[in-house]
PDB file of N, CA and C in Angstrom:
ATOM      1  N   UNK A   1     -84.400  -6.146  30.273  1.00  0.00           N
ATOM      2  CA  UNK A   1     -83.880  -7.160  30.368  1.00  0.00           C
ATOM      3  C   UNK A   1     -83.910  -8.670  31.385  1.00  0.00           C
ATOM      4  N   UNK A   2     -84.458  -9.892  30.989  1.00  0.00           N
ATOM      5  CA  UNK A   2     -84.312 -10.461  32.345  1.00  0.00           C
ATOM      6  C   UNK A   2     -82.761 -11.307  32.515  1.00  0.00           C
ATOM      7  N   UNK A   3     -82.889 -11.772  33.938  1.00  0.00           N
ATOM      8  CA  UNK A   3     -81.573 -12.769  34.037  1.00  0.00           C
ATOM      9  C   UNK A   3     -81.301 -13.884  33.476  1.00  0.00           C
ATOM     10  N   UNK A   4     -82.360 -14.261  32.769  1.00  0.00           N
ATOM     11  CA  UNK A   4     -82.441 -15.621  31.950  1.00  0.00           C
ATOM     12  C   UNK A   4     -81.806 -14.586  30.562  1.00  0.00           C
ATOM     13  N   UNK A   5     -82.027 -14.081  29.823  1.00  0.00           N
ATOM     14  CA  UNK A   5     -81.366 -13.385  28.786  1.00  0.00           C
ATOM     15  C   UNK A   5     -80.493 -12.473  29.190  1.00  0.00           C
ATOM     16  N   UNK A   6     -79.725 -12.097  30.324  1.00  0.00           N
ATOM     17  CA  UNK A   6     -78.347 -11.863  30.679  1.00  0.00           C
ATOM     18  C   UNK A   6     -77.507 -12.986  30.632  1.00  0.00           C
ATOM     19  N   UNK A   7     -77.733 -14.118  31.650  1.00  0.00           N
ATOM     20  CA  UNK A   7     -76.854 -15.434  31.393  1.00  0.00           C
ATOM     21  C   UNK A   7     -76.725 -16.021  29.542  1.00  0.00           C
ATOM     22  N   UNK A   8     -78.398 -16.012  29.136  1.00  0.00           N
ATOM     23  CA  UNK A   8     -77.778 -16.105  27.868  1.00  0.00           C
ATOM     24  C   UNK A   8     -77.303 -15.610  26.166  1.00  0.00           C
ATOM     25  N   UNK A   9     -77.211 -14.386  26.846  1.00  0.00           N
ATOM     26  CA  UNK A   9     -76.597 -13.218  25.523  1.00  0.00           C
ATOM     27  C   UNK A   9     -75.206 -13.947  25.362  1.00  0.00           C
ATOM     28  N   UNK A  10     -75.480 -13.904  23.733  1.00  0.00           N
ATOM     29  CA  UNK A  10     -73.878 -14.465  23.395  1.00  0.00           C
ATOM     30  C   UNK A  10     -73.361 -15.830  23.211  1.00  0.00           C
ATOM     31  N   UNK A  11     -74.555 -16.719  23.659  1.00  0.00           N
ATOM     32  CA  UNK A  11     -73.966 -18.143  23.530  1.00  0.00           C
ATOM     33  C   UNK A  11     -74.636 -18.477  22.464  1.00  0.00           C
ATOM     34  N   UNK A  12     -73.043 -19.454  21.411  1.00  0.00           N
ATOM     35  CA  UNK A  12     -73.660 -19.895  20.466  1.00  0.00           C
ATOM     36  C   UNK A  12     -74.717 -21.436  20.605  1.00  0.00           C
ATOM     37  N   UNK A  13     -75.734 -20.809  19.900  1.00  0.00           N
ATOM     38  CA  UNK A  13     -76.431 -22.129  19.980  1.00  0.00           C
ATOM     39  C   UNK A  13     -77.106 -23.118  18.824  1.00  0.00           C
ATOM     40  N   UNK A  14     -77.021 -24.417  18.818  1.00  0.00           N
ATOM     41  CA  UNK A  14     -77.027 -25.151  17.921  1.00  0.00           C
ATOM     42  C   UNK A  14     -78.338 -26.144  18.251  1.00  0.00           C
ATOM     43  N   UNK A  15     -78.371 -26.846  16.880  1.00  0.00           N
ATOM     44  CA  UNK A  15     -79.178 -27.598  16.496  1.00  0.00           C
ATOM     45  C   UNK A  15     -78.782 -29.228  16.396  1.00  0.00           C
ATOM     46  N   UNK A  16     -79.393 -30.096  15.909  1.00  0.00           N
ATOM     47  CA  UNK A  16     -78.693 -31.590  16.131  1.00  0.00           C
ATOM     48  C   UNK A  16     -78.816 -31.212  14.585  1.00  0.00           C
ATOM     49  N   UNK A  17     -77.903 -31.802  13.562  1.00  0.00           N
ATOM     50  CA  UNK A  17     -77.700 -32.003  12.552  1.00  0.00           C
ATOM     51  C   UNK A  17     -78.962 -32.804  11.361  1.00  0.00           C
ATOM     52  N   UNK A  18     -79.232 -33.882  12.270  1.00  0.00           N
ATOM     53  CA  UNK A  18     -80.420 -34.646  12.146  1.00  0.00           C
ATOM     54  C   UNK A  18     -81.551 -33.658  12.042  1.00  0.00           C
ATOM     55  N   UNK A  19     -81.814 -32.704  13.040  1.00  0.00           N
ATOM     56  CA  UNK A  19     -83.080 -31.739  13.039  1.00  0.00           C
ATOM     57  C   UNK A  19     -83.927 -31.316  11.787  1.00  0.00           C
ATOM     58  N   UNK A  20     -84.865 -31.799  11.430  1.00  0.00           N
ATOM     59  CA  UNK A  20     -85.247 -31.013  10.057  1.00  0.00           C
ATOM     60  C   UNK A  20     -85.861 -29.602  10.225  1.00  0.00           C
ATOM     61  N   UNK A  21     -86.392 -28.693   9.483  1.00  0.00           N
ATOM     62  CA  UNK A  21     -86.956 -27.474   9.111  1.00  0.00           C
ATOM     63  C   UNK A  21     -88.443 -27.226   9.863  1.00  0.00           C
ATOM     64  N   UNK A  22     -88.914 -28.286  10.601  1.00  0.00           N
ATOM     65  CA  UNK A  22     -90.189 -27.854  11.231  1.00  0.00           C
ATOM     66  C   UNK A  22     -90.547 -27.056  12.209  1.00  0.00           C
ATOM     67  N   UNK A  23     -89.087 -26.732  13.112  1.00  0.00           N
ATOM     68  CA  UNK A  23     -89.558 -26.353  14.204  1.00  0.00           C
ATOM     69  C   UNK A  23     -90.037 -26.536  15.408  1.00  0.00           C
ATOM     70  N   UNK A  24     -90.068 -27.836  15.518  1.00  0.00           N
ATOM     71  CA  UNK A  24     -89.832 -28.873  16.500  1.00  0.00           C
ATOM     72  C   UNK A  24     -88.916 -29.322  17.000  1.00  0.00           C
ATOM     73  N   UNK A  25     -87.358 -28.823  17.192  1.00  0.00           N
ATOM     74  CA  UNK A  25     -86.717 -29.102  17.749  1.00  0.00           C
ATOM     75  C   UNK A  25     -86.122 -28.141  19.027  1.00  0.00           C
ATOM     76  N   UNK A  26     -84.871 -28.707  19.570  1.00  0.00           N
ATOM     77  CA  UNK A  26     -84.445 -27.903  20.576  1.00  0.00           C
ATOM     78  C   UNK A  26     -83.243 -27.382  20.459  1.00  0.00           C
ATOM     79  N   UNK A  27     -82.565 -26.442  20.876  1.00  0.00           N
ATOM     80  CA  UNK A  27     -80.879 -25.775  20.902  1.00  0.00           C
ATOM     81  C   UNK A  27     -80.641 -26.014  22.092  1.00  0.00           C
ATOM     82  N   UNK A  28     -79.006 -26.222  22.076  1.00  0.00           N
ATOM     83  CA  UNK A  28     -78.759 -26.416  22.763  1.00  0.00           C
ATOM     84  C   UNK A  28     -77.142 -25.280  22.743  1.00  0.00           C
ATOM     85  N   UNK A  29     -76.503 -24.719  23.800  1.00  0.00           N
ATOM     86  CA  UNK A  29     -75.899 -24.038  23.838  1.00  0.00           C
ATOM     87  C   UNK A  29     -74.613 -24.495  25.395  1.00  0.00           C
ATOM     88  N   UNK A  30     -73.552 -24.898  25.008  1.00  0.00           N
ATOM     89  CA  UNK A  30     -72.200 -25.051  26.448  1.00  0.00           C
ATOM     90  C   UNK A  30     -71.792 -23.582  26.404  1.00  0.00           C
ATOM     91  N   UNK A  31     -71.833 -23.323  27.880  1.00  0.00           N
ATOM     92  CA  UNK A  31     -71.005 -22.244  28.182  1.00  0.00           C
ATOM     93  C   UNK A  31     -70.568 -22.482  30.161  1.00  0.00           C
ATOM     94  N   UNK A  32     -69.235 -22.513  30.482  1.00  0.00           N
ATOM     95  CA  UNK A  32     -68.530 -22.749  31.208  1.00  0.00           C
ATOM     96  C   UNK A  32     -69.501 -23.800  32.158  1.00  0.00           C
ATOM     97  N   UNK A  33     -68.786 -24.425  31.551  1.00  0.00           N
ATOM     98  CA  UNK A  33     -69.050 -26.440  32.145  1.00  0.00           C
ATOM     99  C   UNK A  33     -71.421 -26.027  31.985  1.00  0.00           C
ATOM    100  N   UNK A  34     -71.925 -25.240  31.962  1.00  0.00           N
ATOM    101  CA  UNK A  34     -73.696 -25.372  31.851  1.00  0.00           C
ATOM    102  C   UNK A  34     -73.963 -25.731  30.363  1.00  0.00           C
ATOM    103  N   UNK A  35     -75.039 -26.297  30.222  1.00  0.00           N
ATOM    104  CA  UNK A  35     -75.404 -26.409  28.819  1.00  0.00           C
ATOM    105  C   UNK A  35     -77.095 -25.902  28.920  1.00  0.00           C
ATOM    106  N   UNK A  36     -77.308 -25.120  28.119  1.00  0.00           N
ATOM    107  CA  UNK A  36     -78.824 -24.228  28.253  1.00  0.00           C
ATOM    108  C   UNK A  36     -79.550 -24.564  26.727  1.00  0.00           C
ATOM    109  N   UNK A  37     -80.664 -25.237  27.287  1.00  0.00           N
ATOM    110  CA  UNK A  37     -81.865 -25.723  26.132  1.00  0.00           C
ATOM    111  C   UNK A  37     -82.388 -24.359  25.651  1.00  0.00           C
ATOM    112  N   UNK A  38     -82.913 -24.267  24.776  1.00  0.00           N
ATOM    113  CA  UNK A  38     -84.404 -23.743  24.593  1.00  0.00           C
ATOM    114  C   UNK A  38     -84.912 -24.486  23.244  1.00  0.00           C
ATOM    115  N   UNK A  39     -85.921 -24.061  23.378  1.00  0.00           N
ATOM    116  CA  UNK A  39     -87.311 -24.419  21.725  1.00  0.00           C
ATOM    117  C   UNK A  39     -86.503 -23.642  20.855  1.00  0.00           C
ATOM    118  N   UNK A  40     -86.417 -24.131  19.707  1.00  0.00           N
ATOM    119  CA  UNK A  40     -86.106 -23.203  18.483  1.00  0.00           C
ATOM    120  C   UNK A  40     -87.003 -22.316  17.828  1.00  0.00           C
ATOM    121  N   UNK A  41     -87.910 -22.780  18.197  1.00  0.00           N
ATOM    122  CA  UNK A  41     -89.065 -21.741  17.584  1.00  0.00           C
ATOM    123  C   UNK A  41     -89.720 -20.562  18.507  1.00  0.00           C
ATOM    124  N   UNK A  42     -88.869 -20.788  19.978  1.00  0.00           N
ATOM    125  CA  UNK A  42     -89.830 -19.916  20.263  1.00  0.00           C
ATOM    126  C   UNK A  42     -88.213 -19.543  21.577  1.00  0.00           C
ATOM    127  N   UNK A  43     -87.303 -18.618  21.037  1.00  0.00           N
ATOM    128  CA  UNK A  43     -86.044 -17.887  21.011  1.00  0.00           C
ATOM    129  C   UNK A  43     -85.935 -17.326  22.236  1.00  0.00           C
ATOM    130  N   UNK A  44     -86.670 -16.214  22.270  1.00  0.00           N
ATOM    131  CA  UNK A  44     -86.631 -15.510  23.174  1.00  0.00           C
ATOM    132  C   UNK A  44     -87.419 -15.976  24.645  1.00  0.00           C
ATOM    133  N   UNK A  45     -87.752 -17.692  24.644  1.00  0.00           N
ATOM    134  CA  UNK A  45     -88.821 -18.031  25.776  1.00  0.00           C
ATOM    135  C   UNK A  45     -87.616 -18.623  26.882  1.00  0.00           C
ATOM    136  N   UNK A  46     -88.565 -19.251  27.295  1.00  0.00           N
ATOM    137  CA  UNK A  46     -87.800 -20.006  28.695  1.00  0.00           C
ATOM    138  C   UNK A  46     -86.345 -20.814  28.319  1.00  0.00           C
ATOM    139  N   UNK A  47     -85.490 -20.441  29.331  1.00  0.00           N
ATOM    140  CA  UNK A  47     -84.289 -21.528  28.601  1.00  0.00           C
ATOM    141  C   UNK A  47     -83.720 -22.172  30.076  1.00  0.00           C
ATOM    142  N   UNK A  48     -84.075 -23.926  29.236  1.00  0.00           N
ATOM    143  CA  UNK A  48     -83.048 -24.204  30.557  1.00  0.00           C
ATOM    144  C   UNK A  48     -82.183 -24.662  30.949  1.00  0.00           C
ATOM    145  N   UNK A  49     -81.492 -24.888  31.926  1.00  0.00           N
ATOM    146  CA  UNK A  49     -79.785 -25.044  32.368  1.00  0.00           C
ATOM    147  C   UNK A  49     -79.677 -26.410  33.127  1.00  0.00           C
ATOM    148  N   UNK A  50     -78.445 -26.837  32.993  1.00  0.00           N
ATOM    149  CA  UNK A  50     -78.127 -28.032  33.507  1.00  0.00           C
ATOM    150  C   UNK A  50     -76.911 -28.172  33.610  1.00  0.00           C
ATOM    151  N   UNK A  51     -76.245 -29.233  34.743  1.00  0.00           N
ATOM    152  CA  UNK A  51     -74.810 -28.853  34.653  1.00  0.00           C
ATOM    153  C   UNK A  51     -74.558 -29.838  33.426  1.00  0.00           C
ATOM    154  N   UNK A  52     -73.463 -30.012  33.344  1.00  0.00           N
ATOM    155  CA  UNK A  52     -72.368 -30.790  32.497  1.00  0.00           C
ATOM    156  C   UNK A  52     -72.667 -32.450  32.575  1.00  0.00           C
ATOM    157  N   UNK A  53     -72.400 -32.954  33.902  1.00  0.00           N
ATOM    158  CA  UNK A  53     -72.577 -33.910  34.200  1.00  0.00           C
ATOM    159  C   UNK A  53     -74.385 -34.701  34.128  1.00  0.00           C
ATOM    160  N   UNK A  54     -75.110 -33.868  34.533  1.00  0.00           N
ATOM    161  CA  UNK A  54     -76.392 -34.339  34.495  1.00  0.00           C
ATOM    162  C   UNK A  54     -77.083 -34.217  33.156  1.00  0.00           C
ATOM    163  N   UNK A  55     -76.413 -33.037  32.390  1.00  0.00           N
ATOM    164  CA  UNK A  55     -76.662 -32.903  30.128  1.00  0.00           C
ATOM    165  C   UNK A  55     -76.363 -34.374  29.759  1.00  0.00           C
ATOM    166  N   UNK A  56     -74.952 -34.865  30.207  1.00  0.00           N
ATOM    167  CA  UNK A  56     -74.298 -36.119  29.481  1.00  0.00           C
ATOM    168  C   UNK A  56     -75.049 -38.067  30.042  1.00  0.00           C
ATOM    169  N   UNK A  57     -75.648 -37.567  31.547  1.00  0.00           N
ATOM    170  CA  UNK A  57     -76.462 -38.645  31.640  1.00  0.00           C
ATOM    171  C   UNK A  57     -77.828 -38.616  30.813  1.00  0.00           C
ATOM    172  N   UNK A  58     -78.549 -37.327  30.712  1.00  0.00           N
ATOM    173  CA  UNK A  58     -79.639 -37.555  30.236  1.00  0.00           C
ATOM    174  C   UNK A  58     -79.661 -37.990  28.787  1.00  0.00           C
ATOM    175  N   UNK A  59     -78.144 -37.482  28.123  1.00  0.00           N
ATOM    176  CA  UNK A  59     -77.919 -37.770  26.562  1.00  0.00           C
ATOM    177  C   UNK A  59     -78.005 -39.423  26.489  1.00  0.00           C
ATOM    178  N   UNK A  60     -77.123 -40.073  27.434  1.00  0.00           N
ATOM    179  CA  UNK A  60     -76.830 -41.265  27.519  1.00  0.00           C
ATOM    180  C   UNK A  60     -78.167 -42.302  27.781  1.00  0.00           C
ATOM    181  N   UNK A  61     -78.762 -41.782  28.652  1.00  0.00           N
ATOM    182  CA  UNK A  61     -79.940 -42.347  29.369  1.00  0.00           C
ATOM    183  C   UNK A  61     -80.617 -42.187  27.244  1.00  0.00           C
ATOM    184  N   UNK A  62     -80.929 -41.227  26.808  1.00  0.00           N
ATOM    185  CA  UNK A  62     -82.085 -41.194  25.718  1.00  0.00           C
ATOM    186  C   UNK A  62     -81.090 -42.465  24.296  1.00  0.00           C
ATOM    187  N   UNK A  63     -79.779 -42.299  24.507  1.00  0.00           N
ATOM    188  CA  UNK A  63     -79.619 -43.021  23.409  1.00  0.00           C
ATOM    189  C   UNK A  63     -79.659 -44.081  23.371  1.00  0.00           C
ATOM    190  N   UNK A  64     -79.917 -44.642  25.055  1.00  0.00           N
ATOM    191  CA  UNK A  64     -80.261 -46.076  24.939  1.00  0.00           C
ATOM    192  C   UNK A  64     -81.910 -46.549  24.900  1.00  0.00           C
ATOM    193  N   UNK A  65     -82.247 -45.357  24.902  1.00  0.00           N
ATOM    194  CA  UNK A  65     -84.266 -45.359  24.638  1.00  0.00           C
ATOM    195  C   UNK A  65     -84.790 -45.373  25.741  1.00  0.00           C
ATOM    196  N   UNK A  66     -84.104 -44.905  27.185  1.00  0.00           N
ATOM    197  CA  UNK A  66     -84.969 -45.046  28.260  1.00  0.00           C
ATOM    198  C   UNK A  66     -85.759 -44.313  28.500  1.00  0.00           C
ATOM    199  N   UNK A  67     -86.075 -43.440  27.504  1.00  0.00           N
ATOM    200  CA  UNK A  67     -87.302 -42.267  27.332  1.00  0.00           C
ATOM    201  C   UNK A  67     -88.377 -43.074  26.408  1.00  0.00           C
ATOM    202  N   UNK A  68     -87.978 -43.792  25.402  1.00  0.00           N
ATOM    203  CA  UNK A  68     -89.150 -43.949  24.365  1.00  0.00           C
ATOM    204  C   UNK A  68     -90.087 -44.322  25.447  1.00  0.00           C
ATOM    205  N   UNK A  69     -91.373 -43.760  24.428  1.00  0.00           N
ATOM    206  CA  UNK A  69     -92.783 -44.213  25.040  1.00  0.00           C
ATOM    207  C   UNK A  69     -93.278 -45.288  25.404  1.00  0.00           C
ATOM    208  N   UNK A  70     -92.784 -46.523  24.497  1.00  0.00           N
ATOM    209  CA  UNK A  70     -92.677 -47.545  25.129  1.00  0.00           C
ATOM    210  C   UNK A  70     -92.355 -48.302  26.032  1.00  0.00           C
ATOM    211  N   UNK A  71     -91.133 -47.809  26.509  1.00  0.00           N
ATOM    212  CA  UNK A  71     -90.288 -48.007  27.767  1.00  0.00           C
ATOM    213  C   UNK A  71     -90.882 -47.394  29.227  1.00  0.00           C
ATOM    214  N   UNK A  72     -91.489 -46.232  28.990  1.00  0.00           N
ATOM    215  CA  UNK A  72     -92.276 -45.422  29.854  1.00  0.00           C
ATOM    216  C   UNK A  72     -93.624 -46.309  31.038  1.00  0.00           C
TER     217      UNK A  72
END
């Protein structure tokens, strides 16, 4: 088992309530002040890890459209 799998075993993964069932989603799992993110269609693949504050900053920016293609 990889270190990545050891850190993320037993996490409670979830998708957004508004996600559709086409496999093009990410799943998130909070644990001990960290947020883990993975591709829903590759659950054994790479997992990204963020601090709580950096994840909240990302979500806040996304909600106001900072990453919209027309703004990049």
